[in-house]
């Protein structure tokens, strides 16, 4: 499936802008937050491979029951009302994810870099098709 991945910094900035908007305008709004760009799990894996300069092992499995094929945010309202914009793309998301792991999971870094698996149980990435 295709999903809309957003960098945590962009999400945090959107929340700050939203709080400012609500405090100034004093009204309720439903606003979608996302990049408006969809990426498949395979695209995510490919970007991580470029970031870590190694192959990521994965297995293709059938799509889970109930999963939609594509889910991407319509962020026009956030851009207009919150005067918000996306500053980070998929490359920055992957780079900062690896940087965070290195800074916060020292015991898992070498394991992660060797096997490219995030979980200690050596689970694999699964692609839904």
Protein backbone atom coordinates (compact mmCIF):
# COMPACT_ATOMS: atom_id res chain seq x y z
CA UNK A 1 0.00 0.00 0.00
CA UNK A 2 0.89 3.63 -0.42
CA UNK A 3 0.99 5.91 2.62
CA UNK A 4 1.76 9.54 3.38
CA UNK A 5 4.87 9.69 5.59
CA UNK A 6 5.59 12.95 7.41
CA UNK A 7 8.72 14.05 9.28
CA UNK A 8 8.17 14.52 13.01
CA UNK A 9 9.57 18.08 12.81
CA UNK A 10 7.01 19.04 10.16
CA UNK A 11 4.24 17.47 12.24
CA UNK A 12 5.38 19.37 15.35
CA UNK A 13 5.47 22.68 13.44
CA UNK A 14 1.96 22.02 12.15
CA UNK A 15 0.72 21.44 15.69
CA UNK A 16 2.31 24.68 16.88
CA UNK A 17 0.75 26.57 13.97
CA UNK A 18 -2.57 24.93 14.78
CA UNK A 19 -2.43 26.05 18.42
CA UNK A 20 -1.64 29.59 17.28
CA UNK A 21 -4.50 29.44 14.77
CA UNK A 22 -6.98 28.25 17.39
CA UNK A 23 -5.89 30.84 19.95
CA UNK A 24 -6.23 33.67 17.41
CA UNK A 25 -9.36 32.55 15.58
CA UNK A 26 -11.15 30.78 18.47
CA UNK A 27 -12.86 28.13 16.38
CA UNK A 28 -12.70 24.41 15.78
CA UNK A 29 -11.32 22.99 12.56
CA UNK A 30 -10.61 19.55 11.21
CA UNK A 31 -7.33 19.70 9.33
CA UNK A 32 -5.40 16.90 7.63
CA UNK A 33 -1.66 16.90 8.21
CA UNK A 34 0.63 15.15 5.78
CA UNK A 35 2.93 15.74 2.87
CA UNK A 36 0.30 15.03 0.25
CA UNK A 37 2.78 12.59 -1.33
CA UNK A 38 2.34 8.84 -1.11
CA UNK A 39 5.17 6.32 -0.87
CA UNK A 40 5.00 2.55 -1.05
CA UNK A 41 6.76 0.41 1.53
CA UNK A 42 9.19 -0.61 -1.23
CA UNK A 43 10.04 3.07 -1.84
CA UNK A 44 10.67 3.47 1.90
CA UNK A 45 12.95 0.43 1.91
CA UNK A 46 14.83 1.74 -1.13
CA UNK A 47 15.38 5.12 0.54
CA UNK A 48 16.65 3.45 3.73
CA UNK A 49 19.02 1.35 1.61
CA UNK A 50 20.43 4.53 0.07
CA UNK A 51 20.75 6.10 3.53
CA UNK A 52 22.55 3.17 5.18
CA UNK A 53 24.34 1.98 2.03
CA UNK A 54 23.23 -1.61 2.56
CA UNK A 55 20.45 -3.93 1.45
CA UNK A 56 17.32 -4.28 3.57
CA UNK A 57 15.97 -7.85 3.67
CA UNK A 58 12.22 -8.08 3.11
CA UNK A 59 9.47 -10.50 2.18
CA UNK A 60 6.46 -9.68 0.04
CA UNK A 61 3.21 -10.80 1.67
CA UNK A 62 -0.45 -10.39 0.66
CA UNK A 63 -2.18 -7.21 1.70
CA UNK A 64 -3.87 -7.44 5.08
CA UNK A 65 -7.65 -7.61 5.10
CA UNK A 66 -9.13 -4.13 5.30
CA UNK A 67 -5.99 -2.25 4.22
CA UNK A 68 -6.69 0.42 1.65
CA UNK A 69 -4.42 0.59 -1.37
CA UNK A 70 -3.52 4.26 -0.98
CA UNK A 71 -3.93 6.74 1.86
CA UNK A 72 -2.55 10.24 1.31
CA UNK A 73 -3.52 13.42 3.18
CA UNK A 74 -5.14 16.37 1.44
CA UNK A 75 -3.06 19.08 3.12
CA UNK A 76 -4.36 22.16 1.27
CA UNK A 77 -6.37 23.31 4.28
CA UNK A 78 -3.32 23.07 6.54
CA UNK A 79 -1.24 25.06 4.06
CA UNK A 80 -3.90 27.76 3.73
CA UNK A 81 -5.27 28.12 7.26
CA UNK A 82 -2.13 27.35 9.25
CA UNK A 83 0.33 28.95 6.83
CA UNK A 84 2.27 25.72 7.15
CA UNK A 85 4.63 24.02 4.72
CA UNK A 86 6.58 20.79 4.50
CA UNK A 87 10.33 21.22 4.98
CA UNK A 88 11.46 17.58 4.99
CA UNK A 89 11.10 14.87 2.37
CA UNK A 90 11.54 11.12 2.43
CA UNK A 91 15.34 11.37 2.36
CA UNK A 92 15.37 13.53 5.52
CA UNK A 93 12.87 11.22 7.21
CA UNK A 94 15.15 8.22 6.64
CA UNK A 95 18.36 10.07 7.54
CA UNK A 96 16.89 11.45 10.76
CA UNK A 97 15.43 8.06 11.69
CA UNK A 98 18.88 6.47 11.43
CA UNK A 99 20.44 9.42 13.30
CA UNK A 100 17.87 9.06 16.10
CA UNK A 101 18.51 5.31 16.39
CA UNK A 102 22.24 5.92 16.63
CA UNK A 103 21.78 8.53 19.35
CA UNK A 104 19.12 6.73 21.38
CA UNK A 105 19.61 2.98 20.90
CA UNK A 106 23.36 2.50 21.23
CA UNK A 107 22.95 -1.19 22.04
CA UNK A 108 21.00 -1.76 18.81
CA UNK A 109 23.04 0.33 16.36
CA UNK A 110 25.53 -2.30 15.24
CA UNK A 111 22.80 -4.92 15.00
CA UNK A 112 20.65 -2.51 12.98
CA UNK A 113 23.44 -1.59 10.62
CA UNK A 114 24.41 -5.25 10.03
CA UNK A 115 21.00 -6.81 9.54
CA UNK A 116 18.94 -3.67 8.78
CA UNK A 117 16.22 -4.93 11.08
CA UNK A 118 14.82 -2.51 13.62
CA UNK A 119 13.37 -5.00 16.10
CA UNK A 120 15.46 -7.27 18.31
CA UNK A 121 13.31 -10.26 17.34
CA UNK A 122 14.87 -10.04 13.87
CA UNK A 123 11.53 -9.45 12.19
CA UNK A 124 11.59 -8.52 8.50
CA UNK A 125 9.99 -5.68 6.61
CA UNK A 126 6.82 -6.90 4.93
CA UNK A 127 5.46 -5.43 1.72
CA UNK A 128 1.75 -5.48 1.02
CA UNK A 129 0.84 -5.88 -2.61
